[in-house]
Amino acid sequence: VVGPRRPVPAARYVREDPPGAGPVPALRTGLAEVRE
């Protein structure tokens, strides 16, 4: 989940830098965590 940490759902939470920078920076951040 690229966004603020929440109690649910169970997930790995990450934030783009700066937070709220937009969908492409968020995708870059999330994709860095993809292993499949």
PDB file of all heavy atoms in Angstrom:
ATOM      1  N   VAL A   1       0.857  -1.174   0.000  1.00  0.00           N
ATOM      2  CA  VAL A   1       0.000   0.000   0.000  1.00  0.00           C
ATOM      3  C   VAL A   1       0.896   1.227   0.000  1.00  0.00           C
ATOM      4  O   VAL A   1       1.727   1.385   0.901  1.00  0.00           O
ATOM      5  CB  VAL A   1      -0.950   0.020   1.210  1.00  0.00           C
ATOM      6  CG1 VAL A   1      -1.753   1.317   1.250  1.00  0.00           C
ATOM      7  CG2 VAL A   1      -1.883  -1.188   1.175  1.00  0.00           C
ATOM      8  N   VAL A   2       0.732   2.071  -1.001  1.00  0.00           N
ATOM      9  CA  VAL A   2       1.476   3.328  -1.064  1.00  0.00           C
ATOM     10  C   VAL A   2       0.560   4.395  -0.472  1.00  0.00           C
ATOM     11  O   VAL A   2      -0.376   4.864  -1.118  1.00  0.00           O
ATOM     12  CB  VAL A   2       1.895   3.677  -2.501  1.00  0.00           C
ATOM     13  CG1 VAL A   2       2.761   4.935  -2.492  1.00  0.00           C
ATOM     14  CG2 VAL A   2       2.627   2.517  -3.161  1.00  0.00           C
ATOM     15  N   GLY A   3       0.813   4.700   0.780  1.00  0.00           N
ATOM     16  CA  GLY A   3      -0.020   5.651   1.494  1.00  0.00           C
ATOM     17  C   GLY A   3       0.213   5.521   2.982  1.00  0.00           C
ATOM     18  O   GLY A   3       1.037   4.718   3.422  1.00  0.00           O
ATOM     19  N   PRO A   4      -0.543   6.294   3.760  1.00  0.00           N
ATOM     20  CA  PRO A   4      -0.368   6.248   5.219  1.00  0.00           C
ATOM     21  C   PRO A   4      -0.666   4.863   5.788  1.00  0.00           C
ATOM     22  O   PRO A   4      -1.553   4.164   5.307  1.00  0.00           O
ATOM     23  CB  PRO A   4      -1.393   7.253   5.744  1.00  0.00           C
ATOM     24  CG  PRO A   4      -1.782   8.082   4.573  1.00  0.00           C
ATOM     25  CD  PRO A   4      -1.565   7.256   3.360  1.00  0.00           C
ATOM     26  N   ARG A   5       0.091   4.490   6.805  1.00  0.00           N
ATOM     27  CA  ARG A   5      -0.105   3.201   7.491  1.00  0.00           C
ATOM     28  C   ARG A   5      -1.467   3.193   8.165  1.00  0.00           C
ATOM     29  O   ARG A   5      -1.904   4.180   8.724  1.00  0.00           O
ATOM     30  CB  ARG A   5       0.995   3.000   8.525  1.00  0.00           C
ATOM     31  CG  ARG A   5       0.884   1.663   9.258  1.00  0.00           C
ATOM     32  CD  ARG A   5       2.094   1.376  10.116  1.00  0.00           C
ATOM     33  NE  ARG A   5       3.322   1.253   9.354  1.00  0.00           N
ATOM     34  CZ  ARG A   5       3.687   0.181   8.646  1.00  0.00           C
ATOM     35  NH1 ARG A   5       2.899  -0.864   8.604  1.00  0.00           N
ATOM     36  NH2 ARG A   5       4.823   0.161   7.995  1.00  0.00           N
ATOM     37  N   ARG A   6      -2.113   2.029   8.096  1.00  0.00           N
ATOM     38  CA  ARG A   6      -3.439   1.840   8.687  1.00  0.00           C
ATOM     39  C   ARG A   6      -3.454   0.521   9.446  1.00  0.00           C
ATOM     40  O   ARG A   6      -2.669  -0.372   9.138  1.00  0.00           O
ATOM     41  CB  ARG A   6      -4.496   1.797   7.586  1.00  0.00           C
ATOM     42  CG  ARG A   6      -4.570   3.096   6.805  1.00  0.00           C
ATOM     43  CD  ARG A   6      -5.343   2.929   5.520  1.00  0.00           C
ATOM     44  NE  ARG A   6      -5.272   4.131   4.721  1.00  0.00           N
ATOM     45  CZ  ARG A   6      -6.023   5.205   4.905  1.00  0.00           C
ATOM     46  NH1 ARG A   6      -6.914   5.225   5.855  1.00  0.00           N
ATOM     47  NH2 ARG A   6      -5.880   6.259   4.140  1.00  0.00           N
ATOM     48  N   PRO A   7      -4.381   0.364  10.385  1.00  0.00           N
ATOM     49  CA  PRO A   7      -4.447  -0.906  11.112  1.00  0.00           C
ATOM     50  C   PRO A   7      -4.885  -2.070  10.226  1.00  0.00           C
ATOM     51  O   PRO A   7      -4.487  -3.202  10.458  1.00  0.00           O
ATOM     52  CB  PRO A   7      -5.447  -0.645  12.233  1.00  0.00           C
ATOM     53  CG  PRO A   7      -6.164   0.609  11.881  1.00  0.00           C
ATOM     54  CD  PRO A   7      -5.319   1.363  10.907  1.00  0.00           C
ATOM     55  N   VAL A   8      -5.722  -1.810   9.241  1.00  0.00           N
ATOM     56  CA  VAL A   8      -6.143  -2.824   8.273  1.00  0.00           C
ATOM     57  C   VAL A   8      -6.198  -2.178   6.899  1.00  0.00           C
ATOM     58  O   VAL A   8      -6.467  -0.983   6.798  1.00  0.00           O
ATOM     59  CB  VAL A   8      -7.528  -3.449   8.626  1.00  0.00           C
ATOM     60  CG1 VAL A   8      -7.438  -4.349   9.830  1.00  0.00           C
ATOM     61  CG2 VAL A   8      -8.587  -2.399   8.795  1.00  0.00           C
ATOM     62  N   PRO A   9      -5.904  -2.914   5.897  1.00  0.00           N
ATOM     63  CA  PRO A   9      -5.563  -4.326   5.846  1.00  0.00           C
ATOM     64  C   PRO A   9      -4.094  -4.568   6.186  1.00  0.00           C
ATOM     65  O   PRO A   9      -3.284  -3.643   6.159  1.00  0.00           O
ATOM     66  CB  PRO A   9      -5.837  -4.705   4.387  1.00  0.00           C
ATOM     67  CG  PRO A   9      -5.530  -3.446   3.635  1.00  0.00           C
ATOM     68  CD  PRO A   9      -5.987  -2.322   4.540  1.00  0.00           C
ATOM     69  N   ALA A  10      -3.786  -5.837   6.453  1.00  0.00           N
ATOM     70  CA  ALA A  10      -2.396  -6.223   6.651  1.00  0.00           C
ATOM     71  C   ALA A  10      -1.693  -6.070   5.314  1.00  0.00           C
ATOM     72  O   ALA A  10      -2.148  -6.598   4.304  1.00  0.00           O
ATOM     73  CB  ALA A  10      -2.307  -7.659   7.145  1.00  0.00           C
ATOM     74  N   ALA A  11      -0.616  -5.317   5.296  1.00  0.00           N
ATOM     75  CA  ALA A  11       0.108  -5.039   4.055  1.00  0.00           C
ATOM     76  C   ALA A  11       1.460  -4.439   4.408  1.00  0.00           C
ATOM     77  O   ALA A  11       1.724  -4.097   5.559  1.00  0.00           O
ATOM     78  CB  ALA A  11      -0.691  -4.060   3.182  1.00  0.00           C
ATOM     79  N   ARG A  12       2.294  -4.301   3.399  1.00  0.00           N
ATOM     80  CA  ARG A  12       3.534  -3.539   3.544  1.00  0.00           C
ATOM     81  C   ARG A  12       3.191  -2.107   3.121  1.00  0.00           C
ATOM     82  O   ARG A  12       2.714  -1.883   2.011  1.00  0.00           O
ATOM     83  CB  ARG A  12       4.618  -4.111   2.636  1.00  0.00           C
ATOM     84  CG  ARG A  12       5.954  -3.431   2.820  1.00  0.00           C
ATOM     85  CD  ARG A  12       7.095  -4.108   2.050  1.00  0.00           C
ATOM     86  NE  ARG A  12       6.862  -5.518   1.812  1.00  0.00           N
ATOM     87  CZ  ARG A  12       6.957  -6.101   0.610  1.00  0.00           C
ATOM     88  NH1 ARG A  12       7.294  -5.421  -0.443  1.00  0.00           N
ATOM     89  NH2 ARG A  12       6.741  -7.396   0.480  1.00  0.00           N
ATOM     90  N   TYR A  13       3.382  -1.152   4.012  1.00  0.00           N
ATOM     91  CA  TYR A  13       3.055   0.243   3.739  1.00  0.00           C
ATOM     92  C   TYR A  13       4.326   1.013   3.407  1.00  0.00           C
ATOM     93  O   TYR A  13       5.326   0.914   4.131  1.00  0.00           O
ATOM     94  CB  TYR A  13       2.353   0.875   4.943  1.00  0.00           C
ATOM     95  CG  TYR A  13       0.931   0.364   5.116  1.00  0.00           C
ATOM     96  CD1 TYR A  13       0.689  -0.833   5.779  1.00  0.00           C
ATOM     97  CD2 TYR A  13      -0.144   1.063   4.583  1.00  0.00           C
ATOM     98  CE1 TYR A  13      -0.610  -1.320   5.920  1.00  0.00           C
ATOM     99  CE2 TYR A  13      -1.436   0.581   4.719  1.00  0.00           C
ATOM    100  CZ  TYR A  13      -1.662  -0.605   5.384  1.00  0.00           C
ATOM    101  OH  TYR A  13      -2.931  -1.084   5.520  1.00  0.00           O
ATOM    102  N   VAL A  14       4.270   1.781   2.333  1.00  0.00           N
ATOM    103  CA  VAL A  14       5.383   2.617   1.917  1.00  0.00           C
ATOM    104  C   VAL A  14       4.818   3.976   1.506  1.00  0.00           C
ATOM    105  O   VAL A  14       3.625   4.109   1.251  1.00  0.00           O
ATOM    106  CB  VAL A  14       6.186   1.978   0.753  1.00  0.00           C
ATOM    107  CG1 VAL A  14       6.841   0.679   1.195  1.00  0.00           C
ATOM    108  CG2 VAL A  14       5.308   1.744  -0.470  1.00  0.00           C
ATOM    109  N   ARG A  15       5.678   4.983   1.444  1.00  0.00           N
ATOM    110  CA  ARG A  15       5.258   6.331   1.038  1.00  0.00           C
ATOM    111  C   ARG A  15       6.193   6.844  -0.035  1.00  0.00           C
ATOM    112  O   ARG A  15       7.416   6.679   0.050  1.00  0.00           O
ATOM    113  CB  ARG A  15       5.309   7.303   2.220  1.00  0.00           C
ATOM    114  CG  ARG A  15       4.312   7.066   3.336  1.00  0.00           C
ATOM    115  CD  ARG A  15       2.850   7.098   2.929  1.00  0.00           C
ATOM    116  NE  ARG A  15       2.390   8.288   2.258  1.00  0.00           N
ATOM    117  CZ  ARG A  15       1.715   9.272   2.838  1.00  0.00           C
ATOM    118  NH1 ARG A  15       1.460   9.235   4.113  1.00  0.00           N
ATOM    119  NH2 ARG A  15       1.320  10.304   2.139  1.00  0.00           N
ATOM    120  N   GLU A  16       5.619   7.490  -1.027  1.00  0.00           N
ATOM    121  CA  GLU A  16       6.433   8.171  -2.023  1.00  0.00           C
ATOM    122  C   GLU A  16       7.013   9.437  -1.387  1.00  0.00           C
ATOM    123  O   GLU A  16       6.510   9.900  -0.365  1.00  0.00           O
ATOM    124  CB  GLU A  16       5.619   8.494  -3.284  1.00  0.00           C
ATOM    125  CG  GLU A  16       4.606   9.605  -3.132  1.00  0.00           C
ATOM    126  CD  GLU A  16       3.259   9.171  -2.566  1.00  0.00           C
ATOM    127  OE1 GLU A  16       3.171   8.176  -1.826  1.00  0.00           O
ATOM    128  OE2 GLU A  16       2.275   9.859  -2.843  1.00  0.00           O
ATOM    129  N   ASP A  17       8.076   9.958  -1.989  1.00  0.00           N
ATOM    130  CA  ASP A  17       8.744  11.138  -1.444  1.00  0.00           C
ATOM    131  C   ASP A  17       8.716  12.243  -2.490  1.00  0.00           C
ATOM    132  O   ASP A  17       9.305  12.081  -3.554  1.00  0.00           O
ATOM    133  CB  ASP A  17      10.183  10.792  -1.055  1.00  0.00           C
ATOM    134  CG  ASP A  17      10.872  11.928  -0.328  1.00  0.00           C
ATOM    135  OD1 ASP A  17      10.175  12.763   0.282  1.00  0.00           O
ATOM    136  OD2 ASP A  17      12.111  11.982  -0.388  1.00  0.00           O
ATOM    137  N   PRO A  18       8.022  13.337  -2.182  1.00  0.00           N
ATOM    138  CA  PRO A  18       7.253  13.614  -0.972  1.00  0.00           C
ATOM    139  C   PRO A  18       5.893  12.925  -1.021  1.00  0.00           C
ATOM    140  O   PRO A  18       5.372  12.640  -2.113  1.00  0.00           O
ATOM    141  CB  PRO A  18       7.104  15.139  -0.995  1.00  0.00           C
ATOM    142  CG  PRO A  18       7.086  15.494  -2.449  1.00  0.00           C
ATOM    143  CD  PRO A  18       8.017  14.502  -3.099  1.00  0.00           C
ATOM    144  N   PRO A  19       5.294  12.675   0.138  1.00  0.00           N
ATOM    145  CA  PRO A  19       3.962  12.081   0.167  1.00  0.00           C
ATOM    146  C   PRO A  19       2.972  12.928  -0.633  1.00  0.00           C
ATOM    147  O   PRO A  19       3.015  14.157  -0.580  1.00  0.00           O
ATOM    148  CB  PRO A  19       3.599  12.073   1.652  1.00  0.00           C
ATOM    149  CG  PRO A  19       4.927  12.005   2.338  1.00  0.00           C
ATOM    150  CD  PRO A  19       5.842  12.850   1.491  1.00  0.00           C
ATOM    151  N   GLY A  20       2.120  12.264  -1.384  1.00  0.00           N
ATOM    152  CA  GLY A  20       1.132  12.964  -2.196  1.00  0.00           C
ATOM    153  C   GLY A  20       1.676  13.508  -3.504  1.00  0.00           C
ATOM    154  O   GLY A  20       1.037  14.338  -4.145  1.00  0.00           O
ATOM    155  N   ALA A  21       2.852  13.044  -3.930  1.00  0.00           N
ATOM    156  CA  ALA A  21       3.492  13.575  -5.135  1.00  0.00           C
ATOM    157  C   ALA A  21       2.782  13.180  -6.425  1.00  0.00           C
ATOM    158  O   ALA A  21       3.074  13.740  -7.475  1.00  0.00           O
ATOM    159  CB  ALA A  21       4.954  13.128  -5.180  1.00  0.00           C
ATOM    160  N   GLY A  22       1.885  12.217  -6.351  1.00  0.00           N
ATOM    161  CA  GLY A  22       1.154  11.834  -7.551  1.00  0.00           C
ATOM    162  C   GLY A  22       1.299  10.364  -7.864  1.00  0.00           C
ATOM    163  O   GLY A  22       2.078   9.642  -7.234  1.00  0.00           O
ATOM    164  N   PRO A  23       0.540   9.907  -8.859  1.00  0.00           N
ATOM    165  CA  PRO A  23       0.500   8.474  -9.137  1.00  0.00           C
ATOM    166  C   PRO A  23       1.790   7.887  -9.702  1.00  0.00           C
ATOM    167  O   PRO A  23       2.122   6.739  -9.402  1.00  0.00           O
ATOM    168  CB  PRO A  23      -0.661   8.321 -10.116  1.00  0.00           C
ATOM    169  CG  PRO A  23      -0.853   9.662 -10.717  1.00  0.00           C
ATOM    170  CD  PRO A  23      -0.420  10.652  -9.684  1.00  0.00           C
ATOM    171  N   VAL A  24       2.538   8.633 -10.498  1.00  0.00           N
ATOM    172  CA  VAL A  24       3.778   8.064 -11.052  1.00  0.00           C
ATOM    173  C   VAL A  24       4.827   7.895  -9.953  1.00  0.00           C
ATOM    174  O   VAL A  24       5.412   6.812  -9.832  1.00  0.00           O
ATOM    175  CB  VAL A  24       4.295   8.869 -12.262  1.00  0.00           C
ATOM    176  CG1 VAL A  24       5.671   8.384 -12.696  1.00  0.00           C
ATOM    177  CG2 VAL A  24       3.303   8.760 -13.434  1.00  0.00           C
ATOM    178  N   PRO A  25       5.084   8.907  -9.108  1.00  0.00           N
ATOM    179  CA  PRO A  25       6.009   8.666  -8.000  1.00  0.00           C
ATOM    180  C   PRO A  25       5.514   7.559  -7.052  1.00  0.00           C
ATOM    181  O   PRO A  25       6.314   6.764  -6.544  1.00  0.00           O
ATOM    182  CB  PRO A  25       6.085  10.007  -7.275  1.00  0.00           C
ATOM    183  CG  PRO A  25       5.755  11.012  -8.328  1.00  0.00           C
ATOM    184  CD  PRO A  25       4.730  10.333  -9.197  1.00  0.00           C
ATOM    185  N   ALA A  26       4.206   7.483  -6.838  1.00  0.00           N
ATOM    186  CA  ALA A  26       3.663   6.416  -5.988  1.00  0.00           C
ATOM    187  C   ALA A  26       3.904   5.058  -6.634  1.00  0.00           C
ATOM    188  O   ALA A  26       4.286   4.097  -5.959  1.00  0.00           O
ATOM    189  CB  ALA A  26       2.180   6.644  -5.741  1.00  0.00           C
ATOM    190  N   LEU A  27       3.692   4.961  -7.941  1.00  0.00           N
ATOM    191  CA  LEU A  27       3.964   3.707  -8.652  1.00  0.00           C
ATOM    192  C   LEU A  27       5.443   3.336  -8.536  1.00  0.00           C
ATOM    193  O   LEU A  27       5.775   2.182  -8.259  1.00  0.00           O
ATOM    194  CB  LEU A  27       3.557   3.823 -10.119  1.00  0.00           C
ATOM    195  CG  LEU A  27       4.005   2.680 -11.031  1.00  0.00           C
ATOM    196  CD1 LEU A  27       3.489   1.328 -10.551  1.00  0.00           C
ATOM    197  CD2 LEU A  27       3.567   2.958 -12.453  1.00  0.00           C
ATOM    198  N   ARG A  28       6.343   4.296  -8.733  1.00  0.00           N
ATOM    199  CA  ARG A  28       7.782   4.018  -8.602  1.00  0.00           C
ATOM    200  C   ARG A  28       8.087   3.423  -7.226  1.00  0.00           C
ATOM    201  O   ARG A  28       8.831   2.451  -7.115  1.00  0.00           O
ATOM    202  CB  ARG A  28       8.606   5.296  -8.780  1.00  0.00           C
ATOM    203  CG  ARG A  28       8.757   5.791 -10.173  1.00  0.00           C
ATOM    204  CD  ARG A  28       9.656   7.044 -10.199  1.00  0.00           C
ATOM    205  NE  ARG A  28       9.542   7.761 -11.434  1.00  0.00           N
ATOM    206  CZ  ARG A  28      10.185   7.467 -12.546  1.00  0.00           C
ATOM    207  NH1 ARG A  28      11.015   6.448 -12.569  1.00  0.00           N
ATOM    208  NH2 ARG A  28      10.017   8.188 -13.640  1.00  0.00           N
ATOM    209  N   THR A  29       7.530   4.020  -6.191  1.00  0.00           N
ATOM    210  CA  THR A  29       7.779   3.564  -4.825  1.00  0.00           C
ATOM    211  C   THR A  29       7.214   2.171  -4.600  1.00  0.00           C
ATOM    212  O   THR A  29       7.879   1.298  -4.040  1.00  0.00           O
ATOM    213  CB  THR A  29       7.193   4.568  -3.820  1.00  0.00           C
ATOM    214  OG1 THR A  29       7.825   5.836  -4.031  1.00  0.00           O
ATOM    215  CG2 THR A  29       7.411   4.112  -2.391  1.00  0.00           C
ATOM    216  N   GLY A  30       5.989   1.949  -5.023  1.00  0.00           N
ATOM    217  CA  GLY A  30       5.374   0.635  -4.860  1.00  0.00           C
ATOM    218  C   GLY A  30       6.062  -0.432  -5.667  1.00  0.00           C
ATOM    219  O   GLY A  30       6.301  -1.551  -5.186  1.00  0.00           O
ATOM    220  N   LEU A  31       6.424  -0.120  -6.900  1.00  0.00           N
ATOM    221  CA  LEU A  31       7.079  -1.093  -7.779  1.00  0.00           C
ATOM    222  C   LEU A  31       8.436  -1.524  -7.230  1.00  0.00           C
ATOM    223  O   LEU A  31       8.851  -2.669  -7.435  1.00  0.00           O
ATOM    224  CB  LEU A  31       7.215  -0.522  -9.190  1.00  0.00           C
ATOM    225  CG  LEU A  31       7.722  -1.465 -10.263  1.00  0.00           C
ATOM    226  CD1 LEU A  31       6.848  -2.710 -10.397  1.00  0.00           C
ATOM    227  CD2 LEU A  31       7.810  -0.724 -11.598  1.00  0.00           C
ATOM    228  N   ALA A  32       9.106  -0.645  -6.509  1.00  0.00           N
ATOM    229  CA  ALA A  32      10.392  -1.008  -5.899  1.00  0.00           C
ATOM    230  C   ALA A  32      10.241  -2.151  -4.900  1.00  0.00           C
ATOM    231  O   ALA A  32      11.214  -2.861  -4.612  1.00  0.00           O
ATOM    232  CB  ALA A  32      11.007   0.210  -5.210  1.00  0.00           C
ATOM    233  N   GLU A  33       9.028  -2.372  -4.387  1.00  0.00           N
ATOM    234  CA  GLU A  33       8.766  -3.437  -3.418  1.00  0.00           C
ATOM    235  C   GLU A  33       8.263  -4.730  -4.065  1.00  0.00           C
ATOM    236  O   GLU A  33       8.148  -5.751  -3.385  1.00  0.00           O
ATOM    237  CB  GLU A  33       7.721  -2.957  -2.400  1.00  0.00           C
ATOM    238  CG  GLU A  33       8.118  -1.691  -1.660  1.00  0.00           C
ATOM    239  CD  GLU A  33       9.323  -1.902  -0.766  1.00  0.00           C
ATOM    240  OE1 GLU A  33       9.420  -2.971  -0.136  1.00  0.00           O
ATOM    241  OE2 GLU A  33      10.179  -0.999  -0.700  1.00  0.00           O
ATOM    242  N   VAL A  34       7.941  -4.681  -5.357  1.00  0.00           N
ATOM    243  CA  VAL A  34       7.384  -5.846  -6.059  1.00  0.00           C
ATOM    244  C   VAL A  34       8.487  -6.876  -6.301  1.00  0.00           C
ATOM    245  O   VAL A  34       9.566  -6.545  -6.802  1.00  0.00           O
ATOM    246  CB  VAL A  34       6.732  -5.414  -7.394  1.00  0.00           C
ATOM    247  CG1 VAL A  34       6.411  -6.606  -8.284  1.00  0.00           C
ATOM    248  CG2 VAL A  34       5.479  -4.596  -7.115  1.00  0.00           C
ATOM    249  N   ARG A  35       8.204  -8.123  -5.950  1.00  0.00           N
ATOM    250  CA  ARG A  35       9.154  -9.221  -6.136  1.00  0.00           C
ATOM    251  C   ARG A  35       8.673 -10.242  -7.166  1.00  0.00           C
ATOM    252  O   ARG A  35       9.468 -11.001  -7.703  1.00  0.00           O
ATOM    253  CB  ARG A  35       9.405  -9.940  -4.808  1.00  0.00           C
ATOM    254  CG  ARG A  35       9.962  -9.040  -3.725  1.00  0.00           C
ATOM    255  CD  ARG A  35      11.360  -8.532  -4.074  1.00  0.00           C
ATOM    256  NE  ARG A  35      11.813  -7.529  -3.122  1.00  0.00           N
ATOM    257  CZ  ARG A  35      11.927  -6.232  -3.386  1.00  0.00           C
ATOM    258  NH1 ARG A  35      11.603  -5.754  -4.561  1.00  0.00           N
ATOM    259  NH2 ARG A  35      12.368  -5.392  -2.469  1.00  0.00           N
ATOM    260  N   GLU A  36       7.397 -10.268  -7.441  1.00  0.00           N
ATOM    261  CA  GLU A  36       6.832 -11.211  -8.399  1.00  0.00           C
ATOM    262  C   GLU A  36       6.984 -10.670  -9.827  1.00  0.00           C
ATOM    263  O   GLU A  36       7.194  -9.467 -10.024  1.00  0.00           O
ATOM    264  CB  GLU A  36       5.350 -11.461  -8.097  1.00  0.00           C
ATOM    265  CG  GLU A  36       5.111 -12.149  -6.767  1.00  0.00           C
ATOM    266  CD  GLU A  36       5.624 -13.578  -6.733  1.00  0.00           C
ATOM    267  OE1 GLU A  36       5.579 -14.269  -7.765  1.00  0.00           O
ATOM    268  OE2 GLU A  36       6.080 -14.012  -5.657  1.00  0.00           O
TER     269      GLU A  36
END
